[in-house]
Amino acid sequence: MAKVIKVKNEEENVIYLLTSNEGIPFLYVNKYLKFLDTINRSPNTIKSYAYRFDLVPPKSTDFLFHL
């Protein structure tokens, strides 16, 4: 399983990232979540994406390769 963590970016905005239970970040998923923040998506949108990726981490990276 994975867990969603809440962090603040350089502009003091809250963003959400996905890590394994051991604290290892999911690189491609987190790059996508940071991209959403960069293009000014709502924090609630980013949060919902993060929690959705949390439900299916193995398939999450497959989804990102299609973007």
N, C-alpha and C. Protein backbone atom coordinates (compact mmCIF):
# COMPACT_ATOMS: atom_id res chain seq x y z
N MET A 1 0.83 -1.19 0.00
CA MET A 1 0.00 0.00 0.00
C MET A 1 0.87 1.25 0.00
N ALA A 2 0.22 2.36 -0.11
CA ALA A 2 0.90 3.64 -0.15
C ALA A 2 0.17 4.60 0.78
N LYS A 3 0.80 5.75 0.98
CA LYS A 3 0.12 6.76 1.79
C LYS A 3 0.33 8.13 1.17
N VAL A 4 -0.64 8.98 1.39
CA VAL A 4 -0.61 10.34 0.87
C VAL A 4 -0.09 11.25 1.97
N ILE A 5 0.89 12.09 1.62
CA ILE A 5 1.40 13.06 2.60
C ILE A 5 1.13 14.47 2.09
N LYS A 6 0.97 15.38 3.02
CA LYS A 6 0.69 16.78 2.69
C LYS A 6 1.96 17.58 2.97
N VAL A 7 2.42 18.34 1.97
CA VAL A 7 3.63 19.17 2.12
C VAL A 7 3.34 20.56 1.55
N LYS A 8 4.22 21.50 1.89
CA LYS A 8 4.11 22.85 1.34
C LYS A 8 5.19 23.03 0.28
N ASN A 9 4.82 23.66 -0.83
CA ASN A 9 5.79 23.92 -1.89
C ASN A 9 6.50 25.25 -1.63
N GLU A 10 7.28 25.71 -2.61
CA GLU A 10 8.08 26.92 -2.44
C GLU A 10 7.23 28.16 -2.18
N GLU A 11 6.01 28.18 -2.71
CA GLU A 11 5.12 29.34 -2.54
C GLU A 11 4.23 29.19 -1.32
N GLU A 12 4.54 28.23 -0.46
CA GLU A 12 3.76 27.96 0.76
C GLU A 12 2.37 27.42 0.47
N ASN A 13 2.15 26.89 -0.73
CA ASN A 13 0.89 26.23 -1.04
C ASN A 13 0.98 24.77 -0.61
N VAL A 14 -0.12 24.21 -0.19
CA VAL A 14 -0.16 22.81 0.21
C VAL A 14 -0.33 21.94 -1.03
N ILE A 15 0.52 20.91 -1.15
CA ILE A 15 0.36 19.92 -2.21
C ILE A 15 0.42 18.54 -1.56
N TYR A 16 -0.01 17.55 -2.30
CA TYR A 16 -0.08 16.18 -1.80
C TYR A 16 0.83 15.30 -2.63
N LEU A 17 1.55 14.41 -1.95
CA LEU A 17 2.47 13.49 -2.62
C LEU A 17 2.18 12.07 -2.14
N LEU A 18 2.59 11.10 -2.93
CA LEU A 18 2.35 9.70 -2.63
C LEU A 18 3.67 9.01 -2.30
N THR A 19 3.70 8.29 -1.17
CA THR A 19 4.88 7.54 -0.78
C THR A 19 4.48 6.11 -0.42
N SER A 20 5.47 5.23 -0.42
CA SER A 20 5.22 3.88 0.05
C SER A 20 5.12 3.92 1.57
N ASN A 21 4.74 2.81 2.16
CA ASN A 21 4.68 2.75 3.62
C ASN A 21 6.05 2.95 4.26
N GLU A 22 7.09 2.68 3.50
CA GLU A 22 8.46 2.87 3.99
C GLU A 22 8.94 4.31 3.80
N GLY A 23 8.12 5.15 3.19
CA GLY A 23 8.47 6.55 2.98
C GLY A 23 9.15 6.84 1.66
N ILE A 24 9.23 5.85 0.79
CA ILE A 24 9.86 6.03 -0.52
C ILE A 24 8.84 6.67 -1.47
N PRO A 25 9.17 7.82 -2.06
CA PRO A 25 8.21 8.49 -2.94
C PRO A 25 8.04 7.76 -4.27
N PHE A 26 6.83 7.83 -4.81
CA PHE A 26 6.54 7.32 -6.15
C PHE A 26 6.86 8.44 -7.13
N LEU A 27 8.00 8.33 -7.79
CA LEU A 27 8.56 9.41 -8.60
C LEU A 27 7.61 9.93 -9.67
N TYR A 28 7.11 9.07 -10.54
CA TYR A 28 6.30 9.54 -11.66
C TYR A 28 4.94 10.08 -11.22
N VAL A 29 4.37 9.45 -10.22
CA VAL A 29 3.09 9.95 -9.70
C VAL A 29 3.29 11.33 -9.09
N ASN A 30 4.35 11.50 -8.31
CA ASN A 30 4.60 12.79 -7.67
C ASN A 30 4.96 13.87 -8.67
N LYS A 31 5.65 13.51 -9.73
CA LYS A 31 5.93 14.49 -10.79
C LYS A 31 4.63 14.99 -11.40
N TYR A 32 3.70 14.07 -11.60
CA TYR A 32 2.41 14.46 -12.15
C TYR A 32 1.64 15.34 -11.18
N LEU A 33 1.65 15.01 -9.90
CA LEU A 33 0.96 15.82 -8.90
C LEU A 33 1.59 17.22 -8.80
N LYS A 34 2.91 17.30 -8.90
CA LYS A 34 3.59 18.60 -8.88
C LYS A 34 3.25 19.39 -10.15
N PHE A 35 3.14 18.69 -11.27
CA PHE A 35 2.73 19.35 -12.52
C PHE A 35 1.36 19.99 -12.36
N LEU A 36 0.43 19.27 -11.75
CA LEU A 36 -0.91 19.82 -11.52
C LEU A 36 -0.84 21.09 -10.68
N ASP A 37 0.05 21.11 -9.70
CA ASP A 37 0.23 22.31 -8.88
C ASP A 37 0.82 23.44 -9.73
N THR A 38 1.76 23.11 -10.60
CA THR A 38 2.40 24.12 -11.45
C THR A 38 1.40 24.81 -12.37
N ILE A 39 0.43 24.06 -12.87
CA ILE A 39 -0.56 24.66 -13.77
C ILE A 39 -1.78 25.17 -13.00
N ASN A 40 -1.58 25.36 -11.70
CA ASN A 40 -2.59 25.99 -10.82
C ASN A 40 -3.90 25.23 -10.71
N ARG A 41 -3.81 23.92 -10.64
CA ARG A 41 -5.01 23.14 -10.35
C ARG A 41 -5.37 23.33 -8.88
N SER A 42 -6.62 23.17 -8.58
CA SER A 42 -7.11 23.32 -7.21
C SER A 42 -6.41 22.32 -6.29
N PRO A 43 -6.08 22.73 -5.07
CA PRO A 43 -5.51 21.79 -4.11
C PRO A 43 -6.42 20.58 -3.87
N ASN A 44 -7.73 20.80 -3.94
CA ASN A 44 -8.65 19.67 -3.77
C ASN A 44 -8.56 18.69 -4.92
N THR A 45 -8.30 19.19 -6.13
CA THR A 45 -8.12 18.31 -7.28
C THR A 45 -6.87 17.47 -7.10
N ILE A 46 -5.78 18.11 -6.70
CA ILE A 46 -4.52 17.39 -6.48
C ILE A 46 -4.69 16.35 -5.39
N LYS A 47 -5.37 16.73 -4.33
CA LYS A 47 -5.62 15.80 -3.22
C LYS A 47 -6.42 14.59 -3.69
N SER A 48 -7.46 14.82 -4.47
CA SER A 48 -8.29 13.71 -4.94
C SER A 48 -7.50 12.80 -5.88
N TYR A 49 -6.65 13.37 -6.74
CA TYR A 49 -5.80 12.55 -7.61
C TYR A 49 -4.84 11.71 -6.76
N ALA A 50 -4.24 12.32 -5.76
CA ALA A 50 -3.29 11.60 -4.91
C ALA A 50 -3.97 10.42 -4.23
N TYR A 51 -5.15 10.64 -3.68
CA TYR A 51 -5.85 9.54 -3.02
C TYR A 51 -6.33 8.49 -4.01
N ARG A 52 -6.64 8.89 -5.22
CA ARG A 52 -7.03 7.92 -6.24
C ARG A 52 -5.83 7.06 -6.63
N PHE A 53 -4.66 7.67 -6.78
CA PHE A 53 -3.45 6.90 -7.08
C PHE A 53 -3.11 5.97 -5.93
N ASP A 54 -3.43 6.39 -4.70
CA ASP A 54 -3.16 5.56 -3.53
C ASP A 54 -3.90 4.24 -3.61
N LEU A 55 -5.06 4.23 -4.23
CA LEU A 55 -5.86 3.01 -4.30
C LEU A 55 -5.29 1.98 -5.27
N VAL A 56 -4.60 2.45 -6.31
CA VAL A 56 -4.07 1.54 -7.33
C VAL A 56 -2.65 1.93 -7.74
N PRO A 57 -1.68 1.93 -6.81
CA PRO A 57 -0.33 2.38 -7.16
C PRO A 57 0.33 1.66 -8.34
N PRO A 58 0.20 0.32 -8.49
CA PRO A 58 0.87 -0.30 -9.63
C PRO A 58 0.34 0.20 -10.97
N LYS A 59 -0.93 0.50 -11.05
CA LYS A 59 -1.51 0.97 -12.30
C LYS A 59 -1.32 2.46 -12.49
N SER A 60 -0.99 3.17 -11.45
CA SER A 60 -0.85 4.62 -11.53
C SER A 60 0.24 5.02 -12.51
N THR A 61 1.37 4.36 -12.45
CA THR A 61 2.46 4.73 -13.35
C THR A 61 2.12 4.37 -14.78
N ASP A 62 1.38 3.27 -15.00
CA ASP A 62 0.95 2.92 -16.36
C ASP A 62 0.10 4.04 -16.95
N PHE A 63 -0.79 4.60 -16.12
CA PHE A 63 -1.64 5.70 -16.56
C PHE A 63 -0.79 6.90 -16.98
N LEU A 64 0.24 7.20 -16.21
CA LEU A 64 1.06 8.38 -16.50
C LEU A 64 1.86 8.21 -17.79
N PHE A 65 2.22 7.00 -18.14
CA PHE A 65 2.97 6.79 -19.38
C PHE A 65 2.13 7.09 -20.60
N HIS A 66 0.80 7.08 -20.46
CA HIS A 66 -0.08 7.39 -21.58
C HIS A 66 -0.27 8.88 -21.78
N LEU A 67 0.15 9.70 -20.84
CA LEU A 67 -0.05 11.15 -20.95
C LEU A 67 0.95 11.78 -21.88
